[in-house]
Amino acid sequence: MTTDKSSKDRDELSEGQDTDIVAMEETITSLEIRNNSLTIAIEKVLSVPTNFNIAESMLQHSKCSVLEKENNIIFLANIEQKTISYCKKNFNFKFGLDDFKNYPLSNEHVDECRATGEIELNYRRHRYIENALSKLFSDFINNPENYVPFRAKISLFQESEIDRLNSNVESIVEVYLYKTISILAYRLKAYDVALMYHDFVMTTYSGGIIEVSYDSGEYFKSEQSKKNTKAANVGAKPKQDFRREKKIEYLKIMREKGFSTFAETATYIKQYIDTGPKPTYRTVCKWLSEANENNFS
């Protein structure tokens, strides 16, 4: 009689889960206790780019007239507040232990958890949070009507300003949405998810033009690689070849379709190209970002 390897892996990964429950309950209780200097400092980092940064990068703030500069700040502050309100209203998330302790993990996630040595229950919770936040984002961008309330209106701005302010409104809204989700993930202590969305913020904000001084995604990839050398890496070459082919394919789709953001491209790919569970929406975004930087490994 043979034993299914994936089932065996899951059984082994779940061993000791009960012993982690007390620790996880303490973590849940501590979520509201975040008013300390370190937390404030980290949230400031996750709040970058600021409204002024976005105005400069996406609305050419320095080249605007005095009136246009005032309108830029009012316009962006309005988008920021509406984004926060949208997330508060639509983030349907249950945070009880029973809601995530049995959250299903794919074989890929099982391998990742084992390779990094992360506590299984903690890892499962992070993936649960990541899935909920991904749904929040995808539900927004998949409905074009959601962008309408964020557009500049004549009731607030002169008619001559409407087209200028709205020329890049979709990307601007997505920057604020990524940023809000990043901070939300941090407050839920899903730090890897928070940094992943912060990378999305910087990628969308920079548009591949402004040089970003660091890439936390590369850092995590490097650290994970070090730990993975201690684990089995069967079939590495085929996986690398597959990843390279997909990066080339996805970047080609983005350019041929004229998509302006990785998120927009990834949504199209998951709807019409790779509609199965793998690669995930998150992975598609990541591969697009890497391919855009000429990283096809």
C-alpha atoms as a PDB file:
ATOM      1  CA  MET A   1       0.000   0.000   0.000  1.00  0.00           C
ATOM      2  CA  THR A   2       1.453   3.402  -0.983  1.00  0.00           C
ATOM      3  CA  THR A   3       1.083   6.675   0.892  1.00  0.00           C
ATOM      4  CA  ASP A   4       0.262   9.877  -0.936  1.00  0.00           C
ATOM      5  CA  LYS A   5       3.232  12.207  -0.416  1.00  0.00           C
ATOM      6  CA  SER A   6       1.176  15.413  -0.303  1.00  0.00           C
ATOM      7  CA  SER A   7      -1.140  13.908   2.329  1.00  0.00           C
ATOM      8  CA  LYS A   8       1.863  12.780   4.363  1.00  0.00           C
ATOM      9  CA  ASP A   9       3.396  16.254   4.136  1.00  0.00           C
ATOM     10  CA  ARG A  10       0.196  17.853   5.325  1.00  0.00           C
ATOM     11  CA  ASP A  11      -0.098  15.403   8.197  1.00  0.00           C
ATOM     12  CA  GLU A  12       3.463  16.107   9.266  1.00  0.00           C
ATOM     13  CA  LEU A  13       2.968  19.856   8.890  1.00  0.00           C
ATOM     14  CA  SER A  14      -0.111  19.758  11.085  1.00  0.00           C
ATOM     15  CA  GLU A  15       1.651  17.922  13.928  1.00  0.00           C
ATOM     16  CA  GLY A  16       1.920  20.105  16.971  1.00  0.00           C
ATOM     17  CA  GLN A  17      -0.764  22.501  15.754  1.00  0.00           C
ATOM     18  CA  ASP A  18      -2.581  22.369  19.059  1.00  0.00           C
ATOM     19  CA  THR A  19       0.552  23.479  20.889  1.00  0.00           C
ATOM     20  CA  ASP A  20       0.614  26.645  18.792  1.00  0.00           C
ATOM     21  CA  ILE A  21      -2.963  27.648  19.527  1.00  0.00           C
ATOM     22  CA  VAL A  22      -2.223  29.362  22.837  1.00  0.00           C
ATOM     23  CA  ALA A  23       0.564  31.392  21.257  1.00  0.00           C
ATOM     24  CA  MET A  24      -1.672  32.384  18.365  1.00  0.00           C
ATOM     25  CA  GLU A  25      -4.468  33.464  20.696  1.00  0.00           C
ATOM     26  CA  GLU A  26      -1.978  35.711  22.473  1.00  0.00           C
ATOM     27  CA  THR A  27      -0.993  37.176  19.106  1.00  0.00           C
ATOM     28  CA  ILE A  28      -4.621  37.854  18.254  1.00  0.00           C
ATOM     29  CA  THR A  29      -5.153  39.588  21.588  1.00  0.00           C
ATOM     30  CA  SER A  30      -2.132  41.795  21.031  1.00  0.00           C
ATOM     31  CA  LEU A  31      -3.287  43.090  17.655  1.00  0.00           C
ATOM     32  CA  GLU A  32      -4.880  46.151  19.211  1.00  0.00           C
ATOM     33  CA  ILE A  33      -1.708  47.019  21.121  1.00  0.00           C
ATOM     34  CA  ARG A  34       0.266  48.857  18.488  1.00  0.00           C
ATOM     35  CA  ASN A  35       0.785  52.411  19.774  1.00  0.00           C
ATOM     36  CA  ASN A  36       4.547  52.347  20.127  1.00  0.00           C
ATOM     37  CA  SER A  37       7.340  54.187  18.362  1.00  0.00           C
ATOM     38  CA  LEU A  38       8.456  51.196  16.279  1.00  0.00           C
ATOM     39  CA  THR A  39       4.955  50.633  14.949  1.00  0.00           C
ATOM     40  CA  ILE A  40       4.582  54.300  14.085  1.00  0.00           C
ATOM     41  CA  ALA A  41       7.944  54.296  12.300  1.00  0.00           C
ATOM     42  CA  ILE A  42       7.098  51.215  10.243  1.00  0.00           C
ATOM     43  CA  GLU A  43       3.703  52.597   9.291  1.00  0.00           C
ATOM     44  CA  LYS A  44       5.408  55.763   8.108  1.00  0.00           C
ATOM     45  CA  VAL A  45       7.588  53.661   5.812  1.00  0.00           C
ATOM     46  CA  LEU A  46       4.543  51.789   4.508  1.00  0.00           C
ATOM     47  CA  SER A  47       2.826  55.147   3.932  1.00  0.00           C
ATOM     48  CA  VAL A  48       5.420  56.059   1.307  1.00  0.00           C
ATOM     49  CA  PRO A  49       4.873  57.389  -1.318  1.00  0.00           C
ATOM     50  CA  THR A  50       3.190  60.401   0.277  1.00  0.00           C
ATOM     51  CA  ASN A  51       0.537  62.510  -1.415  1.00  0.00           C
ATOM     52  CA  PHE A  52       3.244  64.938  -2.477  1.00  0.00           C
ATOM     53  CA  ASN A  53       5.386  62.092  -3.907  1.00  0.00           C
ATOM     54  CA  ILE A  54       2.425  60.827  -5.920  1.00  0.00           C
ATOM     55  CA  ALA A  55       1.582  64.340  -7.104  1.00  0.00           C
ATOM     56  CA  GLU A  56       5.129  64.793  -8.355  1.00  0.00           C
ATOM     57  CA  SER A  57       5.403  61.414 -10.036  1.00  0.00           C
ATOM     58  CA  MET A  58       1.928  61.004 -11.495  1.00  0.00           C
ATOM     59  CA  LEU A  59       0.632  64.564 -11.910  1.00  0.00           C
ATOM     60  CA  GLN A  60       3.900  66.397 -12.743  1.00  0.00           C
ATOM     61  CA  HIS A  61       3.402  68.600  -9.703  1.00  0.00           C
ATOM     62  CA  SER A  62       6.549  70.712 -10.094  1.00  0.00           C
ATOM     63  CA  LYS A  63       5.491  71.797 -13.594  1.00  0.00           C
ATOM     64  CA  CYS A  64       1.977  72.839 -12.494  1.00  0.00           C
ATOM     65  CA  SER A  65       0.668  76.317 -11.810  1.00  0.00           C
ATOM     66  CA  VAL A  66      -0.154  77.401  -8.278  1.00  0.00           C
ATOM     67  CA  LEU A  67      -3.855  76.604  -8.800  1.00  0.00           C
ATOM     68  CA  GLU A  68      -3.051  73.225 -10.363  1.00  0.00           C
ATOM     69  CA  LYS A  69      -0.792  72.324  -7.435  1.00  0.00           C
ATOM     70  CA  GLU A  70      -3.585  73.127  -4.983  1.00  0.00           C
ATOM     71  CA  ASN A  71      -5.970  70.987  -7.019  1.00  0.00           C
ATOM     72  CA  ASN A  72      -3.471  68.114  -7.073  1.00  0.00           C
ATOM     73  CA  ILE A  73      -3.296  67.954  -3.296  1.00  0.00           C
ATOM     74  CA  ILE A  74      -7.064  68.259  -2.842  1.00  0.00           C
ATOM     75  CA  PHE A  75      -7.659  65.586  -5.499  1.00  0.00           C
ATOM     76  CA  LEU A  76      -5.184  63.112  -3.976  1.00  0.00           C
ATOM     77  CA  ALA A  77      -6.341  63.691  -0.397  1.00  0.00           C
ATOM     78  CA  ASN A  78      -9.887  62.939  -1.538  1.00  0.00           C
ATOM     79  CA  ILE A  79      -8.770  59.704  -3.227  1.00  0.00           C
ATOM     80  CA  GLU A  80      -6.781  58.670  -0.150  1.00  0.00           C
ATOM     81  CA  GLN A  81      -9.763  59.147   2.167  1.00  0.00           C
ATOM     82  CA  LYS A  82     -12.153  57.344  -0.172  1.00  0.00           C
ATOM     83  CA  THR A  83      -9.728  54.426  -0.479  1.00  0.00           C
ATOM     84  CA  ILE A  84      -9.508  54.057   3.288  1.00  0.00           C
ATOM     85  CA  SER A  85     -13.292  54.226   3.565  1.00  0.00           C
ATOM     86  CA  TYR A  86     -13.707  51.625   0.818  1.00  0.00           C
ATOM     87  CA  CYS A  87     -11.380  49.174   2.571  1.00  0.00           C
ATOM     88  CA  LYS A  88     -13.059  49.665   5.929  1.00  0.00           C
ATOM     89  CA  LYS A  89     -16.465  49.041   4.396  1.00  0.00           C
ATOM     90  CA  ASN A  90     -15.569  46.082   2.173  1.00  0.00           C
ATOM     91  CA  PHE A  91     -12.909  44.171   4.089  1.00  0.00           C
ATOM     92  CA  ASN A  92     -15.063  41.323   5.374  1.00  0.00           C
ATOM     93  CA  PHE A  93     -12.611  39.477   7.586  1.00  0.00           C
ATOM     94  CA  LYS A  94     -13.268  37.132  10.488  1.00  0.00           C
ATOM     95  CA  PHE A  95     -10.319  36.914  12.821  1.00  0.00           C
ATOM     96  CA  GLY A  96     -11.278  34.100  15.150  1.00  0.00           C
ATOM     97  CA  LEU A  97      -8.890  31.178  15.471  1.00  0.00           C
ATOM     98  CA  ASP A  98     -11.444  28.761  14.024  1.00  0.00           C
ATOM     99  CA  ASP A  99     -11.677  30.905  10.888  1.00  0.00           C
ATOM    100  CA  PHE A 100      -8.110  30.313   9.772  1.00  0.00           C
ATOM    101  CA  LYS A 101      -6.612  27.330  11.605  1.00  0.00           C
ATOM    102  CA  ASN A 102      -8.018  24.948   8.964  1.00  0.00           C
ATOM    103  CA  TYR A 103      -7.396  27.248   6.002  1.00  0.00           C
ATOM    104  CA  PRO A 104      -6.292  24.925   3.151  1.00  0.00           C
ATOM    105  CA  LEU A 105      -2.698  25.150   1.945  1.00  0.00           C
ATOM    106  CA  SER A 106      -1.569  24.167  -1.531  1.00  0.00           C
ATOM    107  CA  ASN A 107       1.386  21.818  -1.986  1.00  0.00           C
ATOM    108  CA  GLU A 108       3.450  24.861  -2.957  1.00  0.00           C
ATOM    109  CA  HIS A 109       2.564  26.579   0.313  1.00  0.00           C
ATOM    110  CA  VAL A 110       3.261  23.434   2.319  1.00  0.00           C
ATOM    111  CA  ASP A 111       6.727  23.234   0.780  1.00  0.00           C
ATOM    112  CA  GLU A 112       7.370  26.913   1.422  1.00  0.00           C
ATOM    113  CA  CYS A 113       6.298  26.658   5.062  1.00  0.00           C
ATOM    114  CA  ARG A 114       8.499  23.627   5.664  1.00  0.00           C
ATOM    115  CA  ALA A 115      11.475  25.177   3.868  1.00  0.00           C
ATOM    116  CA  THR A 116      11.371  28.440   5.800  1.00  0.00           C
ATOM    117  CA  GLY A 117      10.723  26.764   9.146  1.00  0.00           C
ATOM    118  CA  GLU A 118       7.800  29.046   9.935  1.00  0.00           C
ATOM    119  CA  ILE A 119       5.263  27.949  12.555  1.00  0.00           C
ATOM    120  CA  GLU A 120       2.533  26.224  10.559  1.00  0.00           C
ATOM    121  CA  LEU A 121      -0.397  27.904  12.293  1.00  0.00           C
ATOM    122  CA  ASN A 122       1.186  31.323  11.875  1.00  0.00           C
ATOM    123  CA  TYR A 123       1.920  30.641   8.198  1.00  0.00           C
ATOM    124  CA  ARG A 124      -1.654  29.423   7.660  1.00  0.00           C
ATOM    125  CA  ARG A 125      -2.984  32.621   9.241  1.00  0.00           C
ATOM    126  CA  HIS A 126      -0.851  34.769   6.929  1.00  0.00           C
ATOM    127  CA  ARG A 127      -2.117  32.971   3.848  1.00  0.00           C
ATOM    128  CA  TYR A 128      -5.687  33.379   5.122  1.00  0.00           C
ATOM    129  CA  ILE A 129      -5.112  37.126   5.491  1.00  0.00           C
ATOM    130  CA  GLU A 130      -3.375  37.323   2.116  1.00  0.00           C
ATOM    131  CA  ASN A 131      -6.323  35.640   0.411  1.00  0.00           C
ATOM    132  CA  ALA A 132      -8.819  38.005   2.038  1.00  0.00           C
ATOM    133  CA  LEU A 133      -6.812  41.082   1.034  1.00  0.00           C
ATOM    134  CA  SER A 134      -6.289  39.765  -2.499  1.00  0.00           C
ATOM    135  CA  LYS A 135     -10.047  39.353  -2.831  1.00  0.00           C
ATOM    136  CA  LEU A 136     -10.562  42.899  -1.574  1.00  0.00           C
ATOM    137  CA  PHE A 137      -8.226  44.236  -4.267  1.00  0.00           C
ATOM    138  CA  SER A 138      -9.452  42.040  -7.123  1.00  0.00           C
ATOM    139  CA  ASP A 139     -13.113  42.780  -6.329  1.00  0.00           C
ATOM    140  CA  PHE A 140     -12.306  46.461  -6.696  1.00  0.00           C
ATOM    141  CA  ILE A 141     -10.336  46.429  -9.946  1.00  0.00           C
ATOM    142  CA  ASN A 142     -12.647  43.902 -11.624  1.00  0.00           C
ATOM    143  CA  ASN A 143     -15.542  46.355 -11.419  1.00  0.00           C
ATOM    144  CA  PRO A 144     -14.865  49.506 -13.496  1.00  0.00           C
ATOM    145  CA  GLU A 145     -17.711  51.260 -11.703  1.00  0.00           C
ATOM    146  CA  ASN A 146     -15.634  51.282  -8.516  1.00  0.00           C
ATOM    147  CA  TYR A 147     -13.319  53.889 -10.030  1.00  0.00           C
ATOM    148  CA  VAL A 148     -16.124  56.355 -10.753  1.00  0.00           C
ATOM    149  CA  PRO A 149     -16.397  57.944  -7.259  1.00  0.00           C
ATOM    150  CA  PHE A 150     -12.648  58.650  -7.304  1.00  0.00           C
ATOM    151  CA  ARG A 151     -12.690  60.723 -10.469  1.00  0.00           C
ATOM    152  CA  ALA A 152     -12.466  64.510 -10.306  1.00  0.00           C
ATOM    153  CA  LYS A 153     -15.830  66.215 -10.691  1.00  0.00           C
ATOM    154  CA  ILE A 154     -16.880  69.667 -11.874  1.00  0.00           C
ATOM    155  CA  SER A 155     -18.498  70.278  -8.486  1.00  0.00           C
ATOM    156  CA  LEU A 156     -14.989  70.457  -6.973  1.00  0.00           C
ATOM    157  CA  PHE A 157     -12.767  71.553  -9.865  1.00  0.00           C
ATOM    158  CA  GLN A 158     -12.912  73.790 -12.902  1.00  0.00           C
ATOM    159  CA  GLU A 159     -13.948  72.047 -16.097  1.00  0.00           C
ATOM    160  CA  SER A 160     -10.511  72.708 -17.600  1.00  0.00           C
ATOM    161  CA  GLU A 161      -8.912  70.664 -14.819  1.00  0.00           C
ATOM    162  CA  ILE A 162     -11.069  67.554 -15.045  1.00  0.00           C
ATOM    163  CA  ASP A 163      -9.251  65.851 -17.912  1.00  0.00           C
ATOM    164  CA  ARG A 164      -5.818  66.606 -16.462  1.00  0.00           C
ATOM    165  CA  LEU A 165      -6.607  65.216 -13.029  1.00  0.00           C
ATOM    166  CA  ASN A 166      -8.414  62.153 -14.365  1.00  0.00           C
ATOM    167  CA  SER A 167      -5.821  61.258 -17.003  1.00  0.00           C
ATOM    168  CA  ASN A 168      -4.154  58.646 -14.780  1.00  0.00           C
ATOM    169  CA  VAL A 169      -6.788  58.146 -12.122  1.00  0.00           C
ATOM    170  CA  GLU A 170      -6.907  54.317 -12.303  1.00  0.00           C
ATOM    171  CA  SER A 171      -3.211  53.919 -11.517  1.00  0.00           C
ATOM    172  CA  ILE A 172      -3.402  56.568  -8.813  1.00  0.00           C
ATOM    173  CA  VAL A 173      -6.305  54.797  -7.126  1.00  0.00           C
ATOM    174  CA  GLU A 174      -4.440  51.481  -7.279  1.00  0.00           C
ATOM    175  CA  VAL A 175      -1.407  53.060  -5.588  1.00  0.00           C
ATOM    176  CA  TYR A 176      -3.595  54.193  -2.695  1.00  0.00           C
ATOM    177  CA  LEU A 177      -5.391  50.862  -2.593  1.00  0.00           C
ATOM    178  CA  TYR A 178      -2.087  48.962  -2.412  1.00  0.00           C
ATOM    179  CA  LYS A 179      -0.837  51.336   0.282  1.00  0.00           C
ATOM    180  CA  THR A 180      -3.974  51.004   2.391  1.00  0.00           C
ATOM    181  CA  ILE A 181      -3.887  47.211   2.100  1.00  0.00           C
ATOM    182  CA  SER A 182      -0.184  47.162   3.009  1.00  0.00           C
ATOM    183  CA  ILE A 183      -0.827  49.053   6.238  1.00  0.00           C
ATOM    184  CA  LEU A 184      -3.880  46.922   6.984  1.00  0.00           C
ATOM    185  CA  ALA A 185      -1.812  43.735   6.577  1.00  0.00           C
ATOM    186  CA  TYR A 186       0.853  45.151   8.886  1.00  0.00           C
ATOM    187  CA  ARG A 187      -1.712  45.921  11.558  1.00  0.00           C
ATOM    188  CA  LEU A 188      -2.875  42.322  11.281  1.00  0.00           C
ATOM    189  CA  LYS A 189       0.776  41.268  11.796  1.00  0.00           C
ATOM    190  CA  ALA A 190       0.992  39.616   8.379  1.00  0.00           C
ATOM    191  CA  TYR A 191       4.343  41.272   7.767  1.00  0.00           C
ATOM    192  CA  ASP A 192       5.290  39.396   4.598  1.00  0.00           C
ATOM    193  CA  VAL A 193       1.949  40.360   3.039  1.00  0.00           C
ATOM    194  CA  ALA A 194       2.397  43.986   4.127  1.00  0.00           C
ATOM    195  CA  LEU A 195       5.799  44.212   2.462  1.00  0.00           C
ATOM    196  CA  MET A 196       4.562  42.439  -0.659  1.00  0.00           C
ATOM    197  CA  TYR A 197       1.832  45.067  -1.131  1.00  0.00           C
ATOM    198  CA  HIS A 198       4.323  47.830  -0.381  1.00  0.00           C
ATOM    199  CA  ASP A 199       6.415  46.484  -3.265  1.00  0.00           C
ATOM    200  CA  PHE A 200       3.289  46.645  -5.441  1.00  0.00           C
ATOM    201  CA  VAL A 201       2.843  50.274  -4.343  1.00  0.00           C
ATOM    202  CA  MET A 202       6.387  51.204  -5.323  1.00  0.00           C
ATOM    203  CA  THR A 203       6.220  49.355  -8.641  1.00  0.00           C
ATOM    204  CA  THR A 204       2.929  50.980  -9.670  1.00  0.00           C
ATOM    205  CA  TYR A 205       4.016  54.407  -8.364  1.00  0.00           C
ATOM    206  CA  SER A 206       7.373  54.340 -10.130  1.00  0.00           C
ATOM    207  CA  GLY A 207       5.931  52.973 -13.363  1.00  0.00           C
ATOM    208  CA  GLY A 208       9.317  51.444 -14.112  1.00  0.00           C
ATOM    209  CA  ILE A 209      10.847  54.924 -14.467  1.00  0.00           C
ATOM    210  CA  ILE A 210      11.817  56.052 -10.975  1.00  0.00           C
ATOM    211  CA  GLU A 211      14.585  53.924  -9.504  1.00  0.00           C
ATOM    212  CA  VAL A 212      13.510  52.301  -6.241  1.00  0.00           C
ATOM    213  CA  SER A 213      16.359  52.103  -3.724  1.00  0.00           C
ATOM    214  CA  TYR A 214      15.373  48.735  -2.298  1.00  0.00           C
ATOM    215  CA  ASP A 215      13.271  45.725  -3.100  1.00  0.00           C
ATOM    216  CA  SER A 216      11.964  43.860  -0.085  1.00  0.00           C
ATOM    217  CA  GLY A 217      10.627  41.167  -2.399  1.00  0.00           C
ATOM    218  CA  GLU A 218      14.193  40.406  -3.474  1.00  0.00           C
ATOM    219  CA  TYR A 219      15.268  40.351   0.172  1.00  0.00           C
ATOM    220  CA  PHE A 220      12.682  37.756   1.123  1.00  0.00           C
ATOM    221  CA  LYS A 221      13.471  35.753  -1.976  1.00  0.00           C
ATOM    222  CA  SER A 222      17.165  35.769  -1.014  1.00  0.00           C
ATOM    223  CA  GLU A 223      16.508  34.771   2.592  1.00  0.00           C
ATOM    224  CA  GLN A 224      14.160  32.009   1.549  1.00  0.00           C
ATOM    225  CA  SER A 225      16.719  30.733  -0.925  1.00  0.00           C
ATOM    226  CA  LYS A 226      19.274  30.361   1.856  1.00  0.00           C
ATOM    227  CA  LYS A 227      16.879  28.297   3.917  1.00  0.00           C
ATOM    228  CA  ASN A 228      15.736  26.267   0.962  1.00  0.00           C
ATOM    229  CA  THR A 229      19.271  24.983   0.428  1.00  0.00           C
ATOM    230  CA  LYS A 230      18.698  22.896   3.532  1.00  0.00           C
ATOM    231  CA  ALA A 231      15.610  21.311   2.019  1.00  0.00           C
ATOM    232  CA  ALA A 232      15.063  19.044  -0.969  1.00  0.00           C
ATOM    233  CA  ASN A 233      14.799  20.811  -4.277  1.00  0.00           C
ATOM    234  CA  VAL A 234      13.575  18.070  -6.590  1.00  0.00           C
ATOM    235  CA  GLY A 235      12.655  19.229 -10.078  1.00  0.00           C
ATOM    236  CA  ALA A 236      14.274  22.660  -9.712  1.00  0.00           C
ATOM    237  CA  LYS A 237      15.383  22.944 -13.357  1.00  0.00           C
ATOM    238  CA  PRO A 238      11.930  22.274 -14.889  1.00  0.00           C
ATOM    239  CA  LYS A 239      10.397  24.792 -12.478  1.00  0.00           C
ATOM    240  CA  GLN A 240      12.983  27.416 -13.431  1.00  0.00           C
ATOM    241  CA  ASP A 241      12.341  26.837 -17.147  1.00  0.00           C
ATOM    242  CA  PHE A 242       8.575  27.078 -16.601  1.00  0.00           C
ATOM    243  CA  ARG A 243       8.953  30.306 -14.619  1.00  0.00           C
ATOM    244  CA  ARG A 244      11.170  31.850 -17.292  1.00  0.00           C
ATOM    245  CA  GLU A 245       8.717  30.958 -20.068  1.00  0.00           C
ATOM    246  CA  LYS A 246       5.804  32.395 -18.116  1.00  0.00           C
ATOM    247  CA  LYS A 247       7.633  35.642 -17.371  1.00  0.00           C
ATOM    248  CA  ILE A 248       8.343  36.105 -21.074  1.00  0.00           C
ATOM    249  CA  GLU A 249       4.739  35.244 -21.973  1.00  0.00           C
ATOM    250  CA  TYR A 250       3.207  37.562 -19.348  1.00  0.00           C
ATOM    251  CA  LEU A 251       5.395  40.531 -20.233  1.00  0.00           C
ATOM    252  CA  LYS A 252       4.516  40.063 -23.913  1.00  0.00           C
ATOM    253  CA  ILE A 253       0.793  40.042 -23.044  1.00  0.00           C
ATOM    254  CA  MET A 254       1.169  43.234 -20.989  1.00  0.00           C
ATOM    255  CA  ARG A 255       2.870  45.053 -23.852  1.00  0.00           C
ATOM    256  CA  GLU A 256       0.625  43.755 -26.642  1.00  0.00           C
ATOM    257  CA  LYS A 257      -2.582  44.506 -24.727  1.00  0.00           C
ATOM    258  CA  GLY A 258      -1.324  47.920 -23.658  1.00  0.00           C
ATOM    259  CA  PHE A 259      -1.966  47.364 -19.959  1.00  0.00           C
ATOM    260  CA  SER A 260      -0.532  50.095 -17.745  1.00  0.00           C
ATOM    261  CA  THR A 261      -0.176  48.137 -14.468  1.00  0.00           C
ATOM    262  CA  PHE A 262       0.895  44.679 -13.373  1.00  0.00           C
ATOM    263  CA  ALA A 263      -2.388  44.285 -11.483  1.00  0.00           C
ATOM    264  CA  GLU A 264      -4.446  44.931 -14.616  1.00  0.00           C
ATOM    265  CA  THR A 265      -2.336  42.461 -16.591  1.00  0.00           C
ATOM    266  CA  ALA A 266      -2.494  39.799 -13.871  1.00  0.00           C
ATOM    267  CA  THR A 267      -6.276  40.117 -13.699  1.00  0.00           C
ATOM    268  CA  TYR A 268      -6.535  39.550 -17.465  1.00  0.00           C
ATOM    269  CA  ILE A 269      -4.150  36.564 -17.312  1.00  0.00           C
ATOM    270  CA  LYS A 270      -6.077  34.880 -14.487  1.00  0.00           C
ATOM    271  CA  GLN A 271      -9.381  35.454 -16.288  1.00  0.00           C
ATOM    272  CA  TYR A 272      -8.414  34.370 -19.798  1.00  0.00           C
ATOM    273  CA  ILE A 273      -4.967  32.708 -19.914  1.00  0.00           C
ATOM    274  CA  ASP A 274      -3.945  30.775 -16.792  1.00  0.00           C
ATOM    275  CA  THR A 275      -7.350  30.373 -15.182  1.00  0.00           C
ATOM    276  CA  GLY A 276      -6.418  27.516 -12.858  1.00  0.00           C
ATOM    277  CA  PRO A 277      -5.275  27.819  -9.234  1.00  0.00           C
ATOM    278  CA  LYS A 278      -1.612  28.021 -10.278  1.00  0.00           C
ATOM    279  CA  PRO A 279       0.143  30.309 -10.669  1.00  0.00           C
ATOM    280  CA  THR A 280      -1.725  32.480  -8.190  1.00  0.00           C
ATOM    281  CA  TYR A 281      -2.683  36.102  -8.882  1.00  0.00           C
ATOM    282  CA  ARG A 282       0.078  37.159  -6.487  1.00  0.00           C
ATOM    283  CA  THR A 283       2.660  35.069  -8.349  1.00  0.00           C
ATOM    284  CA  VAL A 284       1.620  36.496 -11.729  1.00  0.00           C
ATOM    285  CA  CYS A 285       2.081  40.054 -10.391  1.00  0.00           C
ATOM    286  CA  LYS A 286       5.464  39.117  -8.976  1.00  0.00           C
ATOM    287  CA  TRP A 287       6.674  37.495 -12.200  1.00  0.00           C
ATOM    288  CA  LEU A 288       5.514  40.499 -14.212  1.00  0.00           C
ATOM    289  CA  SER A 289       7.433  42.843 -11.923  1.00  0.00           C
ATOM    290  CA  GLU A 290      10.572  40.729 -12.206  1.00  0.00           C
ATOM    291  CA  ALA A 291      10.273  40.375 -15.983  1.00  0.00           C
ATOM    292  CA  ASN A 292       9.868  44.141 -16.297  1.00  0.00           C
ATOM    293  CA  GLU A 293      13.235  44.439 -14.540  1.00  0.00           C
ATOM    294  CA  ASN A 294      14.779  41.925 -16.987  1.00  0.00           C
ATOM    295  CA  ASN A 295      14.852  39.236 -14.292  1.00  0.00           C
ATOM    296  CA  PHE A 296      13.766  36.045 -16.072  1.00  0.00           C
ATOM    297  CA  SER A 297      15.316  33.582 -13.631  1.00  0.00           C
END
